[in-house]
Amino acid sequence: FTTWVKLLASELGCLIYNPSYEVFRKTLPKK
């Protein structure tokens, strides 16, 4: 667990990102 959680944090960190303004406008909810 100690080994894999460090690997997953570095490899899956790309899934936590700030989308561009164009993507933000297209995915903006109705509310």
All heavy atoms as atom14 arrays in JSON, in Angstrom:
{
  "sequence": "FTTWVKLLASELGCLIYNPSYEVFRKTLPKK",
  "atom14_mask": [
    [1, 1, 1, 1, 1, 1, 1, 1, 1, 1, 1, 0, 0, 0],
    [1, 1, 1, 1, 1, 1, 1, 0, 0, 0, 0, 0, 0, 0],
    [1, 1, 1, 1, 1, 1, 1, 0, 0, 0, 0, 0, 0, 0],
    [1, 1, 1, 1, 1, 1, 1, 1, 1, 1, 1, 1, 1, 1],
    [1, 1, 1, 1, 1, 1, 1, 0, 0, 0, 0, 0, 0, 0],
    [1, 1, 1, 1, 1, 1, 1, 1, 1, 0, 0, 0, 0, 0],
    [1, 1, 1, 1, 1, 1, 1, 1, 0, 0, 0, 0, 0, 0],
    [1, 1, 1, 1, 1, 1, 1, 1, 0, 0, 0, 0, 0, 0],
    [1, 1, 1, 1, 1, 0, 0, 0, 0, 0, 0, 0, 0, 0],
    [1, 1, 1, 1, 1, 1, 0, 0, 0, 0, 0, 0, 0, 0],
    [1, 1, 1, 1, 1, 1, 1, 1, 1, 0, 0, 0, 0, 0],
    [1, 1, 1, 1, 1, 1, 1, 1, 0, 0, 0, 0, 0, 0],
    [1, 1, 1, 1, 0, 0, 0, 0, 0, 0, 0, 0, 0, 0],
    [1, 1, 1, 1, 1, 1, 0, 0, 0, 0, 0, 0, 0, 0],
    [1, 1, 1, 1, 1, 1, 1, 1, 0, 0, 0, 0, 0, 0],
    [1, 1, 1, 1, 1, 1, 1, 1, 0, 0, 0, 0, 0, 0],
    [1, 1, 1, 1, 1, 1, 1, 1, 1, 1, 1, 1, 0, 0],
    [1, 1, 1, 1, 1, 1, 1, 1, 0, 0, 0, 0, 0, 0],
    [1, 1, 1, 1, 1, 1, 1, 0, 0, 0, 0, 0, 0, 0],
    [1, 1, 1, 1, 1, 1, 0, 0, 0, 0, 0, 0, 0, 0],
    [1, 1, 1, 1, 1, 1, 1, 1, 1, 1, 1, 1, 0, 0],
    [1, 1, 1, 1, 1, 1, 1, 1, 1, 0, 0, 0, 0, 0],
    [1, 1, 1, 1, 1, 1, 1, 0, 0, 0, 0, 0, 0, 0],
    [1, 1, 1, 1, 1, 1, 1, 1, 1, 1, 1, 0, 0, 0],
    [1, 1, 1, 1, 1, 1, 1, 1, 1, 1, 1, 0, 0, 0],
    [1, 1, 1, 1, 1, 1, 1, 1, 1, 0, 0, 0, 0, 0],
    [1, 1, 1, 1, 1, 1, 1, 0, 0, 0, 0, 0, 0, 0],
    [1, 1, 1, 1, 1, 1, 1, 1, 0, 0, 0, 0, 0, 0],
    [1, 1, 1, 1, 1, 1, 1, 0, 0, 0, 0, 0, 0, 0],
    [1, 1, 1, 1, 1, 1, 1, 1, 1, 0, 0, 0, 0, 0],
    [1, 1, 1, 1, 1, 1, 1, 1, 1, 0, 0, 0, 0, 0]
  ],
  "atom14_positions": [
    [[0.82, -1.21, 0.0], [0.0, 0.0, 0.0], [0.86, 1.26, 0.0], [0.58, 2.21, -0.75], [-0.92, -0.01, 1.22], [-1.75, 1.23, 1.35], [-2.87, 1.41, 0.56], [-1.4, 2.23, 2.25], [-3.65, 2.56, 0.66], [-2.16, 3.39, 2.36], [-3.28, 3.54, 1.56], [0.0, 0.0, 0.0], [0.0, 0.0, 0.0], [0.0, 0.0, 0.0]],
    [[1.89, 1.3, 0.84], [2.74, 2.49, 0.91], [3.43, 2.76, -0.42], [3.58, 3.92, -0.84], [3.78, 2.33, 2.02], [3.13, 1.99, 3.24], [4.58, 3.59, 2.21], [0.0, 0.0, 0.0], [0.0, 0.0, 0.0], [0.0, 0.0, 0.0], [0.0, 0.0, 0.0], [0.0, 0.0, 0.0], [0.0, 0.0, 0.0], [0.0, 0.0, 0.0]],
    [[3.84, 1.7, -1.12], [4.51, 1.86, -2.41], [3.53, 2.31, -3.49], [3.79, 3.24, -4.25], [5.18, 0.54, -2.81], [6.07, 0.12, -1.79], [5.95, 0.7, -4.11], [0.0, 0.0, 0.0], [0.0, 0.0, 0.0], [0.0, 0.0, 0.0], [0.0, 0.0, 0.0], [0.0, 0.0, 0.0], [0.0, 0.0, 0.0], [0.0, 0.0, 0.0]],
    [[2.38, 1.64, -3.55], [1.44, 1.9, -4.64], [0.73, 3.23, -4.49], [0.39, 3.88, -5.49], [0.41, 0.76, -4.71], [0.85, -0.35, -5.61], [1.68, -1.37, -5.29], [0.5, -0.52, -6.98], [1.87, -2.19, -6.36], [1.14, -1.69, -7.42], [-0.3, 0.17, -7.86], [1.01, -2.17, -8.72], [-0.43, -0.29, -9.16], [0.22, -1.45, -9.58]],
    [[0.46, 3.68, -3.28], [-0.27, 4.94, -3.13], [0.59, 6.11, -3.59], [0.07, 7.11, -4.13], [-0.73, 5.11, -1.66], [0.41, 5.52, -0.76], [-1.87, 6.12, -1.58], [0.0, 0.0, 0.0], [0.0, 0.0, 0.0], [0.0, 0.0, 0.0], [0.0, 0.0, 0.0], [0.0, 0.0, 0.0], [0.0, 0.0, 0.0], [0.0, 0.0, 0.0]],
    [[1.91, 6.0, -3.44], [2.79, 7.05, -3.97], [2.82, 7.02, -5.49], [2.8, 8.06, -6.16], [4.2, 6.86, -3.41], [4.3, 7.09, -1.91], [5.73, 6.88, -1.43], [5.82, 7.09, 0.09], [7.2, 6.86, 0.58], [0.0, 0.0, 0.0], [0.0, 0.0, 0.0], [0.0, 0.0, 0.0], [0.0, 0.0, 0.0], [0.0, 0.0, 0.0]],
    [[2.84, 5.81, -6.06], [2.84, 5.69, -7.52], [1.53, 6.22, -8.11], [1.53, 6.98, -9.09], [3.03, 4.22, -7.91], [2.88, 3.9, -9.4], [4.0, 4.55, -10.19], [2.88, 2.39, -9.63], [0.0, 0.0, 0.0], [0.0, 0.0, 0.0], [0.0, 0.0, 0.0], [0.0, 0.0, 0.0], [0.0, 0.0, 0.0], [0.0, 0.0, 0.0]],
    [[0.42, 5.85, -7.52], [-0.88, 6.29, -8.04], [-1.05, 7.79, -7.91], [-1.65, 8.43, -8.78], [-2.01, 5.56, -7.31], [-2.09, 4.05, -7.53], [-3.21, 3.45, -6.67], [-2.35, 3.73, -9.0], [0.0, 0.0, 0.0], [0.0, 0.0, 0.0], [0.0, 0.0, 0.0], [0.0, 0.0, 0.0], [0.0, 0.0, 0.0], [0.0, 0.0, 0.0]],
    [[-0.54, 8.37, -6.83], [-0.67, 9.83, -6.65], [0.09, 10.58, -7.74], [-0.38, 11.62, -8.23], [-0.16, 10.23, -5.27], [0.0, 0.0, 0.0], [0.0, 0.0, 0.0], [0.0, 0.0, 0.0], [0.0, 0.0, 0.0], [0.0, 0.0, 0.0], [0.0, 0.0, 0.0], [0.0, 0.0, 0.0], [0.0, 0.0, 0.0], [0.0, 0.0, 0.0]],
    [[1.24, 10.07, -8.13], [2.02, 10.74, -9.18], [1.45, 10.49, -10.57], [1.49, 11.37, -11.44], [3.47, 10.28, -9.12], [3.57, 8.88, -9.35], [0.0, 0.0, 0.0], [0.0, 0.0, 0.0], [0.0, 0.0, 0.0], [0.0, 0.0, 0.0], [0.0, 0.0, 0.0], [0.0, 0.0, 0.0], [0.0, 0.0, 0.0], [0.0, 0.0, 0.0]],
    [[0.9, 9.28, -10.81], [0.41, 8.95, -12.13], [-1.01, 9.47, -12.38], [-1.34, 9.85, -13.5], [0.44, 7.42, -12.33], [1.82, 6.83, -12.34], [2.65, 7.31, -13.53], [2.08, 7.46, -14.63], [3.85, 7.55, -13.35], [0.0, 0.0, 0.0], [0.0, 0.0, 0.0], [0.0, 0.0, 0.0], [0.0, 0.0, 0.0], [0.0, 0.0, 0.0]],
    [[-1.85, 9.45, -11.37], [-3.24, 9.88, -11.53], [-3.45, 11.35, -11.2], [-4.58, 11.85, -11.27], [-4.17, 9.04, -10.64], [-4.14, 7.53, -10.85], [-5.16, 6.85, -9.96], [-4.4, 7.18, -12.31], [0.0, 0.0, 0.0], [0.0, 0.0, 0.0], [0.0, 0.0, 0.0], [0.0, 0.0, 0.0], [0.0, 0.0, 0.0], [0.0, 0.0, 0.0]],
    [[-2.36, 12.04, -10.86], [-2.49, 13.47, -10.56], [-2.95, 14.28, -11.75], [-3.51, 15.38, -11.59], [0.0, 0.0, 0.0], [0.0, 0.0, 0.0], [0.0, 0.0, 0.0], [0.0, 0.0, 0.0], [0.0, 0.0, 0.0], [0.0, 0.0, 0.0], [0.0, 0.0, 0.0], [0.0, 0.0, 0.0], [0.0, 0.0, 0.0], [0.0, 0.0, 0.0]],
    [[-2.76, 13.76, -12.96], [-3.2, 14.48, -14.16], [-4.71, 14.57, -14.26], [-5.24, 15.39, -15.03], [-2.62, 13.82, -15.4], [-3.11, 12.09, -15.61], [0.0, 0.0, 0.0], [0.0, 0.0, 0.0], [0.0, 0.0, 0.0], [0.0, 0.0, 0.0], [0.0, 0.0, 0.0], [0.0, 0.0, 0.0], [0.0, 0.0, 0.0], [0.0, 0.0, 0.0]],
    [[-5.43, 13.73, -13.5], [-6.9, 13.78, -13.54], [-7.44, 14.96, -12.75], [-8.61, 15.31, -12.9], [-7.48, 12.47, -13.0], [-7.16, 11.21, -13.78], [-7.77, 9.99, -13.09], [-7.7, 11.31, -15.2], [0.0, 0.0, 0.0], [0.0, 0.0, 0.0], [0.0, 0.0, 0.0], [0.0, 0.0, 0.0], [0.0, 0.0, 0.0], [0.0, 0.0, 0.0]],
    [[-6.61, 15.55, -11.87], [-7.02, 16.73, -11.11], [-6.39, 17.94, -11.8], [-5.21, 18.25, -11.6], [-6.56, 16.64, -9.64], [-7.04, 15.34, -9.01], [-7.06, 17.83, -8.84], [-6.51, 15.11, -7.61], [0.0, 0.0, 0.0], [0.0, 0.0, 0.0], [0.0, 0.0, 0.0], [0.0, 0.0, 0.0], [0.0, 0.0, 0.0], [0.0, 0.0, 0.0]],
    [[-7.13, 18.62, -12.65], [-6.58, 19.73, -13.43], [-7.65, 20.8, -13.6], [-8.85, 20.55, -13.45], [-6.1, 19.24, -14.79], [-7.2, 18.9, -15.76], [-7.58, 19.79, -16.76], [-7.89, 17.69, -15.65], [-8.61, 19.49, -17.64], [-8.91, 17.38, -16.53], [-9.25, 18.27, -17.52], [-10.28, 17.97, -18.38], [0.0, 0.0, 0.0], [0.0, 0.0, 0.0]],
    [[-7.18, 22.0, -13.92], [-8.07, 23.13, -14.13], [-8.35, 23.24, -15.64], [-7.45, 23.54, -16.42], [-7.43, 24.43, -13.62], [-8.38, 25.59, -13.62], [-9.59, 25.4, -13.48], [-7.86, 26.79, -13.78], [0.0, 0.0, 0.0], [0.0, 0.0, 0.0], [0.0, 0.0, 0.0], [0.0, 0.0, 0.0], [0.0, 0.0, 0.0], [0.0, 0.0, 0.0]],
    [[-9.58, 22.97, -16.08], [-9.87, 22.99, -17.52], [-9.74, 24.39, -18.12], [-9.81, 25.4, -17.41], [-11.31, 22.47, -17.6], [-11.89, 22.79, -16.27], [-10.77, 22.67, -15.29], [0.0, 0.0, 0.0], [0.0, 0.0, 0.0], [0.0, 0.0, 0.0], [0.0, 0.0, 0.0], [0.0, 0.0, 0.0], [0.0, 0.0, 0.0], [0.0, 0.0, 0.0]],
    [[-9.56, 24.42, -19.41], [-9.43, 25.7, -20.1], [-10.74, 26.47, -20.08], [-11.81, 25.93, -19.76], [-8.98, 25.46, -21.55], [-9.96, 24.72, -22.25], [0.0, 0.0, 0.0], [0.0, 0.0, 0.0], [0.0, 0.0, 0.0], [0.0, 0.0, 0.0], [0.0, 0.0, 0.0], [0.0, 0.0, 0.0], [0.0, 0.0, 0.0], [0.0, 0.0, 0.0]],
    [[-10.66, 27.73, -20.46], [-11.87, 28.58, -20.42], [-12.92, 28.09, -21.41], [-14.12, 28.17, -21.15], [-11.48, 30.03, -20.72], [-12.62, 31.0, -20.56], [-13.03, 31.41, -19.29], [-13.3, 31.49, -21.67], [-14.09, 32.29, -19.14], [-14.36, 32.38, -21.52], [-14.75, 32.79, -20.25], [-15.81, 33.66, -20.11], [0.0, 0.0, 0.0], [0.0, 0.0, 0.0]],
    [[-12.48, 27.57, -22.56], [-13.44, 27.08, -23.55], [-14.2, 25.86, -23.03], [-15.42, 25.76, -23.16], [-12.72, 26.73, -24.87], [-12.17, 27.93, -25.63], [-10.91, 28.48, -25.0], [-10.33, 27.79, -24.13], [-10.49, 29.59, -25.39], [0.0, 0.0, 0.0], [0.0, 0.0, 0.0], [0.0, 0.0, 0.0], [0.0, 0.0, 0.0], [0.0, 0.0, 0.0]],
    [[-13.45, 24.93, -22.41], [-14.11, 23.75, -21.84], [-15.02, 24.16, -20.68], [-16.12, 23.63, -20.51], [-13.05, 22.74, -21.36], [-13.7, 21.56, -20.65], [-12.22, 22.25, -22.54], [0.0, 0.0, 0.0], [0.0, 0.0, 0.0], [0.0, 0.0, 0.0], [0.0, 0.0, 0.0], [0.0, 0.0, 0.0], [0.0, 0.0, 0.0], [0.0, 0.0, 0.0]],
    [[-14.58, 25.11, -19.9], [-15.39, 25.6, -18.79], [-16.72, 26.17, -19.28], [-17.78, 25.9, -18.69], [-14.6, 26.65, -18.02], [-15.44, 27.62, -17.24], [-16.09, 27.23, -16.08], [-15.61, 28.93, -17.67], [-16.88, 28.12, -15.36], [-16.39, 29.82, -16.96], [-17.03, 29.42, -15.81], [0.0, 0.0, 0.0], [0.0, 0.0, 0.0], [0.0, 0.0, 0.0]],
    [[-16.72, 26.94, -20.35], [-17.96, 27.53, -20.86], [-18.91, 26.47, -21.42], [-20.12, 26.56, -21.26], [-17.64, 28.54, -21.96], [-16.9, 29.77, -21.49], [-17.66, 30.56, -20.45], [-18.96, 30.99, -20.95], [-19.89, 31.57, -20.21], [-19.67, 31.75, -18.92], [-21.05, 31.93, -20.72], [0.0, 0.0, 0.0], [0.0, 0.0, 0.0], [0.0, 0.0, 0.0]],
    [[-18.36, 25.44, -22.04], [-19.21, 24.41, -22.64], [-19.81, 23.47, -21.6], [-20.85, 22.86, -21.83], [-18.42, 23.61, -23.67], [-18.07, 24.4, -24.92], [-17.33, 23.54, -25.92], [-17.01, 24.33, -27.18], [-16.29, 23.51, -28.18], [0.0, 0.0, 0.0], [0.0, 0.0, 0.0], [0.0, 0.0, 0.0], [0.0, 0.0, 0.0], [0.0, 0.0, 0.0]],
    [[-19.13, 23.33, -20.47], [-19.61, 22.4, -19.42], [-20.28, 23.12, -18.26], [-20.55, 22.51, -17.24], [-18.45, 21.56, -18.88], [-17.43, 22.45, -18.36], [-17.85, 20.69, -19.97], [0.0, 0.0, 0.0], [0.0, 0.0, 0.0], [0.0, 0.0, 0.0], [0.0, 0.0, 0.0], [0.0, 0.0, 0.0], [0.0, 0.0, 0.0], [0.0, 0.0, 0.0]],
    [[-20.54, 24.42, -18.4], [-21.14, 25.18, -17.31], [-22.59, 24.73, -17.1], [-23.39, 24.72, -18.04], [-21.11, 26.68, -17.63], [-21.55, 27.62, -16.5], [-20.57, 27.54, -15.33], [-21.66, 29.05, -17.0], [0.0, 0.0, 0.0], [0.0, 0.0, 0.0], [0.0, 0.0, 0.0], [0.0, 0.0, 0.0], [0.0, 0.0, 0.0], [0.0, 0.0, 0.0]],
    [[-22.96, 24.33, -15.88], [-24.34, 23.88, -15.63], [-25.36, 25.01, -15.82], [-25.02, 26.21, -15.8], [-24.3, 23.42, -14.17], [-22.86, 23.16, -13.89], [-22.1, 24.14, -14.71], [0.0, 0.0, 0.0], [0.0, 0.0, 0.0], [0.0, 0.0, 0.0], [0.0, 0.0, 0.0], [0.0, 0.0, 0.0], [0.0, 0.0, 0.0], [0.0, 0.0, 0.0]],
    [[-26.59, 24.62, -15.96], [-27.66, 25.57, -16.22], [-27.88, 26.49, -15.03], [-28.24, 27.67, -15.2], [-28.95, 24.8, -16.54], [-30.12, 25.67, -16.91], [-31.33, 24.83, -17.25], [-32.52, 25.72, -17.63], [-33.73, 24.89, -17.97], [0.0, 0.0, 0.0], [0.0, 0.0, 0.0], [0.0, 0.0, 0.0], [0.0, 0.0, 0.0], [0.0, 0.0, 0.0]],
    [[-27.68, 25.98, -13.82], [-27.92, 26.8, -12.63], [-26.99, 28.0, -12.54], [-27.31, 28.99, -11.87], [-27.78, 25.94, -11.37], [-28.96, 25.02, -11.11], [-28.83, 24.39, -9.74], [-30.08, 23.56, -9.43], [-30.01, 22.95, -8.09], [0.0, 0.0, 0.0], [0.0, 0.0, 0.0], [0.0, 0.0, 0.0], [0.0, 0.0, 0.0], [0.0, 0.0, 0.0]]
  ]
}
